[in-house]
């Protein structure tokens, strides 16, 4: 048998001898995408939960009046996060008829990496618990609460939240540290929103 016949018989008539083994790379890629989507869905669900709480509180204060600046701002924030309209409507109606214990908005202040000012808003019916949770998270990053007014001076309160009036430039390493701090704070159920004056 010459070389031509050997190649013909081995490869052409029996291609299975030539096919390379298949890999599971597609499966692994799908798993990563699925895991990432699940993580994003979980983050979105947590964010929606916080906006529902905020809308409910503002609706309760405004007695369901959609023209109230506080309620309108809360709804606008939720819409920017693509919260479904029916979810927003349910939160507004719930707040307008809610007779449960009042949720309280509290502000905590701190200084982070590179001297950046941090404002932490909590929306809770248990002020002591919220304060302890915030202190604990800050302590994990070797930070502590600052005195009232010591960080908020660098911001102006608007319906959109706290807007920095002066900003702080940070090194890349400090930006990474700050991002982790903010992520840990925002992942806590007692924390509603976090603001910094990082440039």
N, C-alpha and C. Protein backbone atom coordinates (compact mmCIF):
# COMPACT_ATOMS: atom_id res chain seq x y z
N UNK A 1 0.86 -1.19 0.00
CA UNK A 1 0.00 0.00 0.00
C UNK A 1 0.89 1.24 0.00
N UNK A 2 0.71 2.09 -1.02
CA UNK A 2 1.53 3.30 -1.04
C UNK A 2 0.95 4.37 -0.12
N UNK A 3 1.66 5.46 0.00
CA UNK A 3 1.28 6.52 0.93
C UNK A 3 -0.08 7.11 0.57
N UNK A 4 -0.35 7.28 -0.71
CA UNK A 4 -1.63 7.85 -1.13
C UNK A 4 -2.78 6.99 -0.63
N UNK A 5 -2.70 5.68 -0.85
CA UNK A 5 -3.78 4.80 -0.43
C UNK A 5 -3.93 4.78 1.10
N UNK A 6 -2.77 4.84 1.80
CA UNK A 6 -2.84 4.85 3.26
C UNK A 6 -3.60 6.08 3.77
N UNK A 7 -3.24 7.26 3.22
CA UNK A 7 -3.90 8.51 3.63
C UNK A 7 -5.37 8.46 3.27
N UNK A 8 -5.67 7.98 2.06
CA UNK A 8 -7.06 7.93 1.61
C UNK A 8 -7.89 7.03 2.52
N UNK A 9 -7.37 5.84 2.82
CA UNK A 9 -8.12 4.88 3.62
C UNK A 9 -8.25 5.33 5.08
N UNK A 10 -7.22 6.00 5.58
CA UNK A 10 -7.22 6.38 7.00
C UNK A 10 -8.04 7.63 7.27
N UNK A 11 -7.89 8.63 6.38
CA UNK A 11 -8.50 9.93 6.65
C UNK A 11 -9.81 10.12 5.91
N UNK A 12 -9.81 9.86 4.63
CA UNK A 12 -10.99 10.15 3.82
C UNK A 12 -12.13 9.20 4.14
N UNK A 13 -11.81 7.89 4.15
CA UNK A 13 -12.90 6.92 4.39
C UNK A 13 -13.20 6.74 5.87
N UNK A 14 -12.29 7.11 6.76
CA UNK A 14 -12.52 7.01 8.20
C UNK A 14 -12.16 8.33 8.88
N UNK A 15 -12.94 9.35 8.69
CA UNK A 15 -12.59 10.68 9.22
C UNK A 15 -12.49 10.72 10.73
N UNK A 16 -13.13 9.73 11.42
CA UNK A 16 -13.08 9.76 12.88
C UNK A 16 -11.65 9.63 13.39
N UNK A 17 -10.76 9.01 12.58
CA UNK A 17 -9.38 8.87 12.99
C UNK A 17 -8.65 10.20 12.97
N UNK A 18 -9.19 11.15 12.22
CA UNK A 18 -8.51 12.43 12.03
C UNK A 18 -9.08 13.53 12.93
N UNK A 19 -10.33 13.35 13.35
CA UNK A 19 -10.98 14.41 14.12
C UNK A 19 -10.28 14.61 15.46
N UNK A 20 -9.91 15.82 15.82
CA UNK A 20 -9.29 16.06 17.12
C UNK A 20 -10.34 15.94 18.21
N UNK A 21 -9.94 15.63 19.42
CA UNK A 21 -10.90 15.52 20.51
C UNK A 21 -11.57 16.86 20.76
N UNK A 22 -12.86 16.80 21.07
CA UNK A 22 -13.61 18.03 21.34
C UNK A 22 -13.27 18.53 22.74
N UNK A 23 -13.40 19.84 22.93
CA UNK A 23 -13.13 20.42 24.24
C UNK A 23 -14.43 20.92 24.85
N UNK A 24 -14.35 21.29 26.11
CA UNK A 24 -15.53 21.79 26.81
C UNK A 24 -15.47 23.30 26.96
N UNK A 25 -14.65 23.94 26.10
CA UNK A 25 -14.48 25.38 26.27
C UNK A 25 -15.79 26.13 26.13
N UNK A 26 -16.62 25.70 25.20
CA UNK A 26 -17.92 26.36 25.04
C UNK A 26 -18.75 26.24 26.29
N UNK A 27 -18.70 25.07 26.92
CA UNK A 27 -19.46 24.85 28.15
C UNK A 27 -18.94 25.75 29.26
N UNK A 28 -17.61 25.83 29.36
CA UNK A 28 -17.02 26.67 30.40
C UNK A 28 -17.38 28.13 30.21
N UNK A 29 -17.34 28.56 28.95
CA UNK A 29 -17.69 29.95 28.65
C UNK A 29 -19.13 30.22 29.02
N UNK A 30 -20.02 29.27 28.69
CA UNK A 30 -21.43 29.44 29.03
C UNK A 30 -21.61 29.51 30.55
N UNK A 31 -20.86 28.67 31.26
CA UNK A 31 -20.96 28.66 32.71
C UNK A 31 -20.56 30.01 33.30
N UNK A 32 -19.47 30.57 32.74
CA UNK A 32 -19.02 31.87 33.23
C UNK A 32 -20.06 32.95 32.95
N UNK A 33 -20.61 32.93 31.75
CA UNK A 33 -21.64 33.92 31.38
C UNK A 33 -22.86 33.76 32.28
N UNK A 34 -23.25 32.49 32.50
CA UNK A 34 -24.41 32.21 33.35
C UNK A 34 -24.16 32.70 34.77
N UNK A 35 -22.94 32.45 35.27
CA UNK A 35 -22.59 32.88 36.63
C UNK A 35 -22.60 34.41 36.72
N UNK A 36 -22.03 35.07 35.70
CA UNK A 36 -21.99 36.53 35.68
C UNK A 36 -23.40 37.10 35.62
N UNK A 37 -24.26 36.49 34.79
CA UNK A 37 -25.64 36.96 34.68
C UNK A 37 -26.36 36.80 36.01
N UNK A 38 -26.12 35.67 36.68
CA UNK A 38 -26.76 35.42 37.98
C UNK A 38 -26.32 36.48 38.99
N UNK A 39 -25.02 36.82 38.95
CA UNK A 39 -24.50 37.84 39.85
C UNK A 39 -25.13 39.19 39.55
N UNK A 40 -25.20 39.53 38.25
CA UNK A 40 -25.82 40.80 37.86
C UNK A 40 -27.30 40.84 38.23
N UNK A 41 -27.99 39.72 38.05
CA UNK A 41 -29.41 39.64 38.41
C UNK A 41 -29.58 39.84 39.91
N UNK A 42 -28.68 39.25 40.69
CA UNK A 42 -28.75 39.38 42.14
C UNK A 42 -28.52 40.84 42.55
N UNK A 43 -27.54 41.49 41.90
CA UNK A 43 -27.27 42.89 42.20
C UNK A 43 -28.45 43.78 41.81
N UNK A 44 -29.05 43.47 40.65
CA UNK A 44 -30.20 44.24 40.19
C UNK A 44 -31.37 44.06 41.15
N UNK A 45 -31.57 42.82 41.61
CA UNK A 45 -32.66 42.53 42.54
C UNK A 45 -32.46 43.30 43.84
N UNK A 46 -31.21 43.34 44.33
CA UNK A 46 -30.91 44.07 45.56
C UNK A 46 -31.15 45.57 45.36
N UNK A 47 -30.71 46.09 44.21
CA UNK A 47 -30.91 47.51 43.92
C UNK A 47 -32.40 47.83 43.83
N UNK A 48 -33.17 46.96 43.16
CA UNK A 48 -34.61 47.18 43.05
C UNK A 48 -35.25 47.20 44.43
N UNK A 49 -34.81 46.30 45.29
CA UNK A 49 -35.36 46.23 46.65
C UNK A 49 -35.14 47.53 47.40
N UNK A 50 -33.97 48.13 47.21
CA UNK A 50 -33.67 49.39 47.89
C UNK A 50 -34.51 50.54 47.32
N UNK A 51 -34.73 50.52 46.01
CA UNK A 51 -35.55 51.57 45.40
C UNK A 51 -37.02 51.42 45.80
N UNK A 52 -37.47 50.19 45.92
CA UNK A 52 -38.85 49.96 46.39
C UNK A 52 -39.01 50.55 47.79
N UNK A 53 -38.02 50.30 48.64
CA UNK A 53 -38.08 50.84 50.01
C UNK A 53 -38.10 52.37 49.99
N UNK A 54 -37.23 52.97 49.16
CA UNK A 54 -37.16 54.43 49.08
C UNK A 54 -38.46 55.02 48.55
N UNK A 55 -39.00 54.43 47.48
CA UNK A 55 -40.26 54.93 46.90
C UNK A 55 -41.40 54.81 47.91
N UNK A 56 -41.42 53.67 48.62
CA UNK A 56 -42.48 53.45 49.61
C UNK A 56 -42.44 54.52 50.70
N UNK A 57 -41.23 54.82 51.19
CA UNK A 57 -41.07 55.83 52.24
C UNK A 57 -41.48 57.21 51.73
N UNK A 58 -41.01 57.57 50.53
CA UNK A 58 -41.34 58.89 49.98
C UNK A 58 -42.84 58.99 49.67
N UNK A 59 -43.43 57.88 49.22
CA UNK A 59 -44.86 57.88 48.95
C UNK A 59 -45.67 58.04 50.23
N UNK A 60 -45.18 57.41 51.29
CA UNK A 60 -45.85 57.53 52.58
C UNK A 60 -45.83 58.98 53.07
N UNK A 61 -44.65 59.62 52.93
CA UNK A 61 -44.52 61.02 53.35
C UNK A 61 -45.40 61.94 52.50
N UNK A 62 -45.49 61.62 51.20
CA UNK A 62 -46.24 62.47 50.27
C UNK A 62 -47.70 62.04 50.13
N UNK A 63 -48.08 60.97 50.86
CA UNK A 63 -49.43 60.41 50.77
C UNK A 63 -49.79 60.06 49.33
N UNK A 64 -48.80 59.53 48.61
CA UNK A 64 -49.02 59.06 47.24
C UNK A 64 -49.02 60.14 46.18
N UNK A 65 -48.72 61.38 46.55
CA UNK A 65 -48.72 62.49 45.60
C UNK A 65 -47.49 62.40 44.69
N UNK A 66 -47.70 62.06 43.43
CA UNK A 66 -46.59 61.88 42.48
C UNK A 66 -45.87 63.19 42.16
N UNK A 67 -46.49 64.32 42.49
CA UNK A 67 -45.86 65.62 42.23
C UNK A 67 -44.90 66.02 43.35
N UNK A 68 -44.87 65.24 44.43
CA UNK A 68 -43.94 65.54 45.53
C UNK A 68 -42.51 65.40 45.03
N UNK A 69 -41.65 66.40 45.27
CA UNK A 69 -40.27 66.35 44.77
C UNK A 69 -39.51 65.09 45.23
N UNK A 70 -39.69 64.72 46.49
CA UNK A 70 -38.99 63.54 47.01
C UNK A 70 -39.42 62.26 46.33
N UNK A 71 -40.74 62.10 46.15
CA UNK A 71 -41.26 60.90 45.50
C UNK A 71 -40.88 60.88 44.02
N UNK A 72 -40.98 62.04 43.38
CA UNK A 72 -40.63 62.12 41.95
C UNK A 72 -39.15 61.77 41.74
N UNK A 73 -38.27 62.24 42.64
CA UNK A 73 -36.84 61.96 42.52
C UNK A 73 -36.57 60.47 42.73
N UNK A 74 -37.27 59.85 43.69
CA UNK A 74 -37.09 58.42 43.97
C UNK A 74 -37.52 57.58 42.75
N UNK A 75 -38.63 57.96 42.14
CA UNK A 75 -39.12 57.24 40.95
C UNK A 75 -38.15 57.40 39.79
N UNK A 76 -37.61 58.61 39.64
CA UNK A 76 -36.65 58.86 38.56
C UNK A 76 -35.40 58.01 38.72
N UNK A 77 -34.90 57.88 39.95
CA UNK A 77 -33.73 57.02 40.22
C UNK A 77 -34.03 55.58 39.83
N UNK A 78 -35.21 55.11 40.21
CA UNK A 78 -35.59 53.72 39.91
C UNK A 78 -35.69 53.49 38.41
N UNK A 79 -36.24 54.46 37.71
CA UNK A 79 -36.38 54.32 36.25
C UNK A 79 -35.02 54.30 35.55
N UNK A 80 -34.06 55.04 36.10
CA UNK A 80 -32.71 55.03 35.53
C UNK A 80 -32.08 53.66 35.63
N UNK A 81 -32.52 52.89 36.63
CA UNK A 81 -32.02 51.52 36.81
C UNK A 81 -32.91 50.50 36.10
N UNK A 82 -33.83 51.01 35.25
CA UNK A 82 -34.74 50.16 34.45
C UNK A 82 -35.68 49.32 35.31
N UNK A 83 -36.09 49.87 36.43
CA UNK A 83 -37.09 49.17 37.23
C UNK A 83 -38.43 49.21 36.50
N UNK A 84 -39.14 48.07 36.41
CA UNK A 84 -40.42 48.03 35.70
C UNK A 84 -41.44 48.98 36.32
N UNK A 85 -42.26 49.57 35.46
CA UNK A 85 -43.27 50.53 35.93
C UNK A 85 -44.26 49.93 36.91
N UNK A 86 -44.62 48.65 36.69
CA UNK A 86 -45.60 48.05 37.61
C UNK A 86 -45.01 47.88 39.01
N UNK A 87 -43.70 47.65 39.09
CA UNK A 87 -43.03 47.55 40.40
C UNK A 87 -43.04 48.91 41.09
N UNK A 88 -42.79 49.95 40.31
CA UNK A 88 -42.82 51.31 40.85
C UNK A 88 -44.23 51.66 41.33
N UNK A 89 -45.23 51.34 40.52
CA UNK A 89 -46.62 51.64 40.89
C UNK A 89 -47.02 50.94 42.18
N UNK A 90 -46.61 49.68 42.33
CA UNK A 90 -46.95 48.93 43.55
C UNK A 90 -46.31 49.57 44.77
N UNK A 91 -45.05 50.04 44.61
CA UNK A 91 -44.36 50.68 45.73
C UNK A 91 -45.04 51.99 46.13
N UNK A 92 -45.49 52.75 45.12
CA UNK A 92 -46.19 54.01 45.40
C UNK A 92 -47.49 53.73 46.15
N UNK A 93 -48.26 52.76 45.67
CA UNK A 93 -49.53 52.43 46.32
C UNK A 93 -49.33 51.89 47.73
N UNK A 94 -48.28 51.06 47.89
CA UNK A 94 -47.99 50.51 49.21
C UNK A 94 -47.67 51.62 50.20
N UNK A 95 -46.86 52.59 49.76
CA UNK A 95 -46.49 53.69 50.63
C UNK A 95 -47.68 54.56 51.01
N UNK A 96 -48.57 54.77 50.05
CA UNK A 96 -49.73 55.63 50.28
C UNK A 96 -50.69 55.04 51.30
N UNK A 97 -50.66 53.71 51.45
CA UNK A 97 -51.59 53.05 52.38
C UNK A 97 -50.87 52.37 53.54
N UNK A 98 -49.57 52.64 53.67
CA UNK A 98 -48.76 51.95 54.68
C UNK A 98 -48.97 52.55 56.07
N UNK A 99 -49.27 51.68 57.04
CA UNK A 99 -49.44 52.13 58.42
C UNK A 99 -48.39 51.52 59.35
N UNK A 100 -47.35 50.94 58.77
CA UNK A 100 -46.32 50.30 59.59
C UNK A 100 -45.38 51.35 60.18
N UNK A 101 -44.41 50.87 60.97
CA UNK A 101 -43.46 51.77 61.60
C UNK A 101 -42.71 52.58 60.54
N UNK A 102 -42.49 53.83 60.86
CA UNK A 102 -41.85 54.73 59.89
C UNK A 102 -40.38 54.34 59.70
N UNK A 103 -39.96 54.34 58.43
CA UNK A 103 -38.55 54.13 58.11
C UNK A 103 -37.85 55.47 58.26
N UNK A 104 -36.64 55.43 58.75
CA UNK A 104 -35.90 56.66 59.02
C UNK A 104 -34.65 56.73 58.15
N UNK A 105 -34.42 57.90 57.55
CA UNK A 105 -33.24 58.12 56.73
C UNK A 105 -32.14 58.69 57.61
N UNK A 106 -31.02 57.99 57.67
CA UNK A 106 -29.89 58.42 58.50
C UNK A 106 -28.66 58.63 57.64
N UNK A 107 -27.83 59.57 58.05
CA UNK A 107 -26.61 59.88 57.31
C UNK A 107 -25.39 59.63 58.19
N UNK A 108 -24.45 58.85 57.64
CA UNK A 108 -23.19 58.58 58.32
C UNK A 108 -22.05 59.15 57.47
N UNK A 109 -21.03 59.65 58.15
CA UNK A 109 -19.93 60.29 57.44
C UNK A 109 -18.60 59.60 57.78
N UNK A 110 -17.72 59.57 56.80
CA UNK A 110 -16.41 58.95 57.00
C UNK A 110 -15.42 59.53 56.01
N UNK A 111 -14.15 59.25 56.26
CA UNK A 111 -13.10 59.58 55.31
C UNK A 111 -12.40 58.29 54.88
N UNK A 112 -12.18 58.15 53.57
CA UNK A 112 -11.62 56.93 53.03
C UNK A 112 -10.22 57.11 52.48
N UNK A 113 -9.79 56.22 51.61
CA UNK A 113 -8.44 56.25 51.04
C UNK A 113 -8.13 57.59 50.37
N UNK A 114 -6.94 58.12 50.62
CA UNK A 114 -6.54 59.37 50.00
C UNK A 114 -7.25 60.59 50.53
N UNK A 115 -7.97 60.43 51.66
CA UNK A 115 -8.69 61.55 52.26
C UNK A 115 -10.02 61.87 51.60
N UNK A 116 -10.56 60.91 50.81
CA UNK A 116 -11.83 61.14 50.14
C UNK A 116 -12.98 61.13 51.16
N UNK A 117 -13.93 62.04 50.98
CA UNK A 117 -15.10 62.11 51.86
C UNK A 117 -16.14 61.09 51.42
N UNK A 118 -16.76 60.41 52.38
CA UNK A 118 -17.76 59.40 52.10
C UNK A 118 -19.02 59.70 52.91
N UNK A 119 -20.15 59.74 52.23
CA UNK A 119 -21.44 59.87 52.90
C UNK A 119 -22.23 58.58 52.68
N UNK A 120 -22.80 58.06 53.75
CA UNK A 120 -23.52 56.79 53.71
C UNK A 120 -24.93 57.02 54.21
N UNK A 121 -25.91 56.81 53.33
CA UNK A 121 -27.31 56.95 53.72
C UNK A 121 -27.89 55.57 54.03
N UNK A 122 -28.59 55.49 55.15
CA UNK A 122 -29.32 54.27 55.46
C UNK A 122 -30.80 54.62 55.56
N UNK A 123 -31.63 53.66 55.19
CA UNK A 123 -33.07 53.83 55.28
C UNK A 123 -33.58 52.63 56.06
N UNK A 124 -33.89 52.84 57.32
CA UNK A 124 -34.15 51.70 58.20
C UNK A 124 -35.16 52.05 59.29
N UNK A 125 -35.75 51.01 59.86
CA UNK A 125 -36.62 51.21 61.03
C UNK A 125 -35.86 50.82 62.30
N UNK A 126 -34.56 50.55 62.16
CA UNK A 126 -33.73 50.19 63.31
C UNK A 126 -32.41 50.96 63.21
N UNK A 127 -32.41 52.16 63.74
CA UNK A 127 -31.26 53.06 63.61
C UNK A 127 -29.99 52.47 64.23
N UNK A 128 -30.13 51.83 65.39
CA UNK A 128 -28.96 51.26 66.07
C UNK A 128 -28.33 50.15 65.25
N UNK A 129 -29.16 49.29 64.66
CA UNK A 129 -28.65 48.20 63.85
C UNK A 129 -27.90 48.75 62.64
N UNK A 130 -28.49 49.75 61.98
CA UNK A 130 -27.87 50.33 60.79
C UNK A 130 -26.51 50.92 61.14
N UNK A 131 -26.43 51.64 62.27
CA UNK A 131 -25.16 52.25 62.68
C UNK A 131 -24.10 51.19 62.94
N UNK A 132 -24.48 50.11 63.60
CA UNK A 132 -23.52 49.04 63.89
C UNK A 132 -23.04 48.36 62.61
N UNK A 133 -23.96 48.17 61.65
CA UNK A 133 -23.58 47.53 60.38
C UNK A 133 -22.58 48.41 59.63
N UNK A 134 -22.85 49.70 59.58
CA UNK A 134 -21.96 50.63 58.88
C UNK A 134 -20.59 50.67 59.56
N UNK A 135 -20.58 50.75 60.89
CA UNK A 135 -19.32 50.78 61.64
C UNK A 135 -18.50 49.51 61.37
N UNK A 136 -19.19 48.38 61.34
CA UNK A 136 -18.51 47.10 61.14
C UNK A 136 -17.84 47.04 59.76
N UNK A 137 -18.57 47.47 58.73
CA UNK A 137 -18.01 47.45 57.37
C UNK A 137 -16.82 48.39 57.26
N UNK A 138 -16.95 49.58 57.84
CA UNK A 138 -15.83 50.53 57.81
C UNK A 138 -14.62 49.96 58.55
N UNK A 139 -14.86 49.31 59.68
CA UNK A 139 -13.77 48.74 60.47
C UNK A 139 -13.02 47.67 59.69
N UNK A 140 -13.73 46.90 58.86
CA UNK A 140 -13.08 45.88 58.04
C UNK A 140 -12.08 46.50 57.07
N UNK A 141 -12.30 47.76 56.74
CA UNK A 141 -11.39 48.48 55.83
C UNK A 141 -10.50 49.47 56.60
N UNK A 142 -10.43 49.27 57.93
CA UNK A 142 -9.60 50.10 58.80
C UNK A 142 -10.02 51.57 58.76
N UNK A 143 -11.33 51.79 58.68
CA UNK A 143 -11.89 53.13 58.71
C UNK A 143 -12.85 53.24 59.88
N UNK A 144 -13.24 54.45 60.20
CA UNK A 144 -14.23 54.64 61.26
C UNK A 144 -15.12 55.83 60.92
N UNK A 145 -16.24 55.90 61.63
CA UNK A 145 -17.17 57.00 61.40
C UNK A 145 -16.54 58.33 61.81
N UNK A 146 -16.88 59.37 61.07
CA UNK A 146 -16.42 60.72 61.39
C UNK A 146 -17.56 61.48 62.06
N UNK A 147 -17.23 62.57 62.69
CA UNK A 147 -18.24 63.38 63.37
C UNK A 147 -19.21 63.99 62.35
N UNK A 148 -20.49 64.17 62.74
CA UNK A 148 -21.46 64.78 61.83
C UNK A 148 -20.97 66.14 61.32
N UNK A 149 -21.05 66.33 60.02
CA UNK A 149 -20.65 67.59 59.42
C UNK A 149 -19.21 67.61 58.95
N UNK A 150 -18.41 66.64 59.39
CA UNK A 150 -16.99 66.67 59.05
C UNK A 150 -16.71 66.24 57.62
N UNK A 151 -17.66 65.55 56.98
CA UNK A 151 -17.49 65.16 55.58
C UNK A 151 -18.58 65.76 54.69
N UNK A 152 -19.76 65.99 55.26
CA UNK A 152 -20.89 66.48 54.47
C UNK A 152 -20.68 67.91 53.96
N UNK A 153 -19.72 68.63 54.57
CA UNK A 153 -19.46 70.01 54.11
C UNK A 153 -19.01 70.03 52.65
N UNK A 154 -18.47 68.90 52.17
CA UNK A 154 -17.95 68.84 50.79
C UNK A 154 -19.04 68.51 49.78
N UNK A 155 -20.31 68.46 50.23
CA UNK A 155 -21.43 68.10 49.36
C UNK A 155 -22.57 69.09 49.51
N UNK A 156 -23.46 69.06 48.52
CA UNK A 156 -24.71 69.80 48.59
C UNK A 156 -25.85 68.80 48.41
N UNK A 157 -26.85 68.90 49.28
CA UNK A 157 -27.99 67.98 49.21
C UNK A 157 -28.96 68.44 48.13
N UNK A 158 -29.29 67.53 47.20
CA UNK A 158 -30.27 67.80 46.15
C UNK A 158 -31.27 66.65 46.13
N UNK A 159 -32.28 66.76 45.28
CA UNK A 159 -33.25 65.67 45.15
C UNK A 159 -32.61 64.43 44.52
N UNK A 160 -31.49 64.64 43.83
CA UNK A 160 -30.78 63.53 43.21
C UNK A 160 -29.89 62.80 44.21
N UNK A 161 -29.67 63.44 45.36
CA UNK A 161 -28.78 62.86 46.36
C UNK A 161 -27.78 63.91 46.82
N UNK A 162 -26.59 63.48 47.19
CA UNK A 162 -25.54 64.38 47.64
C UNK A 162 -24.55 64.62 46.51
N UNK A 163 -24.48 65.85 46.06
CA UNK A 163 -23.58 66.22 44.97
C UNK A 163 -22.33 66.89 45.55
N UNK A 164 -21.13 66.38 45.20
CA UNK A 164 -19.91 67.00 45.74
C UNK A 164 -19.71 68.41 45.21
N UNK A 165 -19.36 69.31 46.11
CA UNK A 165 -19.05 70.69 45.72
C UNK A 165 -17.54 70.88 45.56
N UNK A 166 -16.79 69.95 46.10
CA UNK A 166 -15.34 69.93 45.92
C UNK A 166 -14.92 68.48 45.77
N UNK A 167 -13.97 68.21 44.88
CA UNK A 167 -13.59 66.83 44.60
C UNK A 167 -12.15 66.55 45.02
N UNK A 168 -11.87 65.26 45.19
CA UNK A 168 -10.56 64.83 45.65
C UNK A 168 -9.93 63.89 44.62
N UNK A 169 -8.77 64.27 44.03
CA UNK A 169 -8.09 63.35 43.10
C UNK A 169 -7.48 62.18 43.86
N UNK A 170 -7.57 60.98 43.30
CA UNK A 170 -7.04 59.79 43.96
C UNK A 170 -6.07 59.04 43.07
N UNK A 171 -5.10 58.37 43.69
CA UNK A 171 -4.21 57.46 42.98
C UNK A 171 -4.99 56.20 42.61
N UNK A 172 -4.51 55.45 41.62
CA UNK A 172 -5.20 54.24 41.17
C UNK A 172 -5.42 53.25 42.31
N UNK A 173 -4.41 53.08 43.16
CA UNK A 173 -4.53 52.14 44.28
C UNK A 173 -5.63 52.56 45.24
N UNK A 174 -5.75 53.86 45.49
CA UNK A 174 -6.80 54.35 46.38
C UNK A 174 -8.18 54.22 45.74
N UNK A 175 -8.25 54.39 44.42
CA UNK A 175 -9.52 54.23 43.72
C UNK A 175 -10.02 52.79 43.87
N UNK A 176 -9.11 51.83 43.74
CA UNK A 176 -9.47 50.42 43.90
C UNK A 176 -9.97 50.14 45.31
N UNK A 177 -9.28 50.68 46.31
CA UNK A 177 -9.70 50.49 47.70
C UNK A 177 -11.08 51.11 47.94
N UNK A 178 -11.27 52.31 47.41
CA UNK A 178 -12.55 53.00 47.58
C UNK A 178 -13.69 52.22 46.93
N UNK A 179 -13.44 51.69 45.73
CA UNK A 179 -14.47 50.92 45.03
C UNK A 179 -14.91 49.72 45.86
N UNK A 180 -13.96 49.06 46.52
CA UNK A 180 -14.28 47.90 47.36
C UNK A 180 -15.09 48.31 48.58
N UNK A 181 -14.72 49.43 49.18
CA UNK A 181 -15.45 49.93 50.35
C UNK A 181 -16.90 50.24 49.98
N UNK A 182 -17.06 50.97 48.87
CA UNK A 182 -18.41 51.34 48.43
C UNK A 182 -19.23 50.10 48.09
N UNK A 183 -18.59 49.13 47.45
CA UNK A 183 -19.30 47.89 47.09
C UNK A 183 -19.79 47.16 48.35
N UNK A 184 -18.92 47.05 49.35
CA UNK A 184 -19.30 46.37 50.58
C UNK A 184 -20.43 47.10 51.31
N UNK A 185 -20.36 48.42 51.30
CA UNK A 185 -21.43 49.20 51.94
C UNK A 185 -22.75 49.03 51.20
N UNK A 186 -22.72 49.14 49.88
CA UNK A 186 -23.96 49.07 49.10
C UNK A 186 -24.57 47.67 49.10
N UNK A 187 -23.75 46.65 49.38
CA UNK A 187 -24.27 45.29 49.45
C UNK A 187 -25.01 45.02 50.77
N UNK A 188 -24.89 45.96 51.71
CA UNK A 188 -25.58 45.80 52.99
C UNK A 188 -27.01 46.29 52.90
N UNK A 189 -27.93 45.51 53.42
CA UNK A 189 -29.36 45.84 53.32
C UNK A 189 -29.72 47.13 54.06
N UNK A 190 -28.94 47.49 55.07
CA UNK A 190 -29.26 48.68 55.85
C UNK A 190 -28.83 49.96 55.13
N UNK A 191 -27.95 49.83 54.14
CA UNK A 191 -27.42 51.00 53.42
C UNK A 191 -28.25 51.26 52.17
N UNK A 192 -28.70 52.48 52.04
CA UNK A 192 -29.50 52.86 50.87
C UNK A 192 -28.64 53.33 49.73
N UNK A 193 -27.68 54.21 50.03
CA UNK A 193 -26.85 54.77 48.96
C UNK A 193 -25.56 55.32 49.56
N UNK A 194 -24.50 55.33 48.73
CA UNK A 194 -23.19 55.83 49.16
C UNK A 194 -22.72 56.90 48.18
N UNK A 195 -22.21 57.99 48.73
CA UNK A 195 -21.73 59.10 47.90
C UNK A 195 -20.27 59.41 48.30
N UNK A 196 -19.45 59.73 47.31
CA UNK A 196 -18.08 60.15 47.60
C UNK A 196 -17.76 61.39 46.77
N UNK A 197 -16.69 62.06 47.15
CA UNK A 197 -16.27 63.22 46.35
C UNK A 197 -14.97 62.91 45.61
N UNK A 198 -14.79 61.62 45.29
CA UNK A 198 -13.62 61.22 44.50
C UNK A 198 -13.71 61.85 43.11
N UNK A 199 -12.58 62.34 42.62
CA UNK A 199 -12.55 63.01 41.30
C UNK A 199 -12.65 62.00 40.18
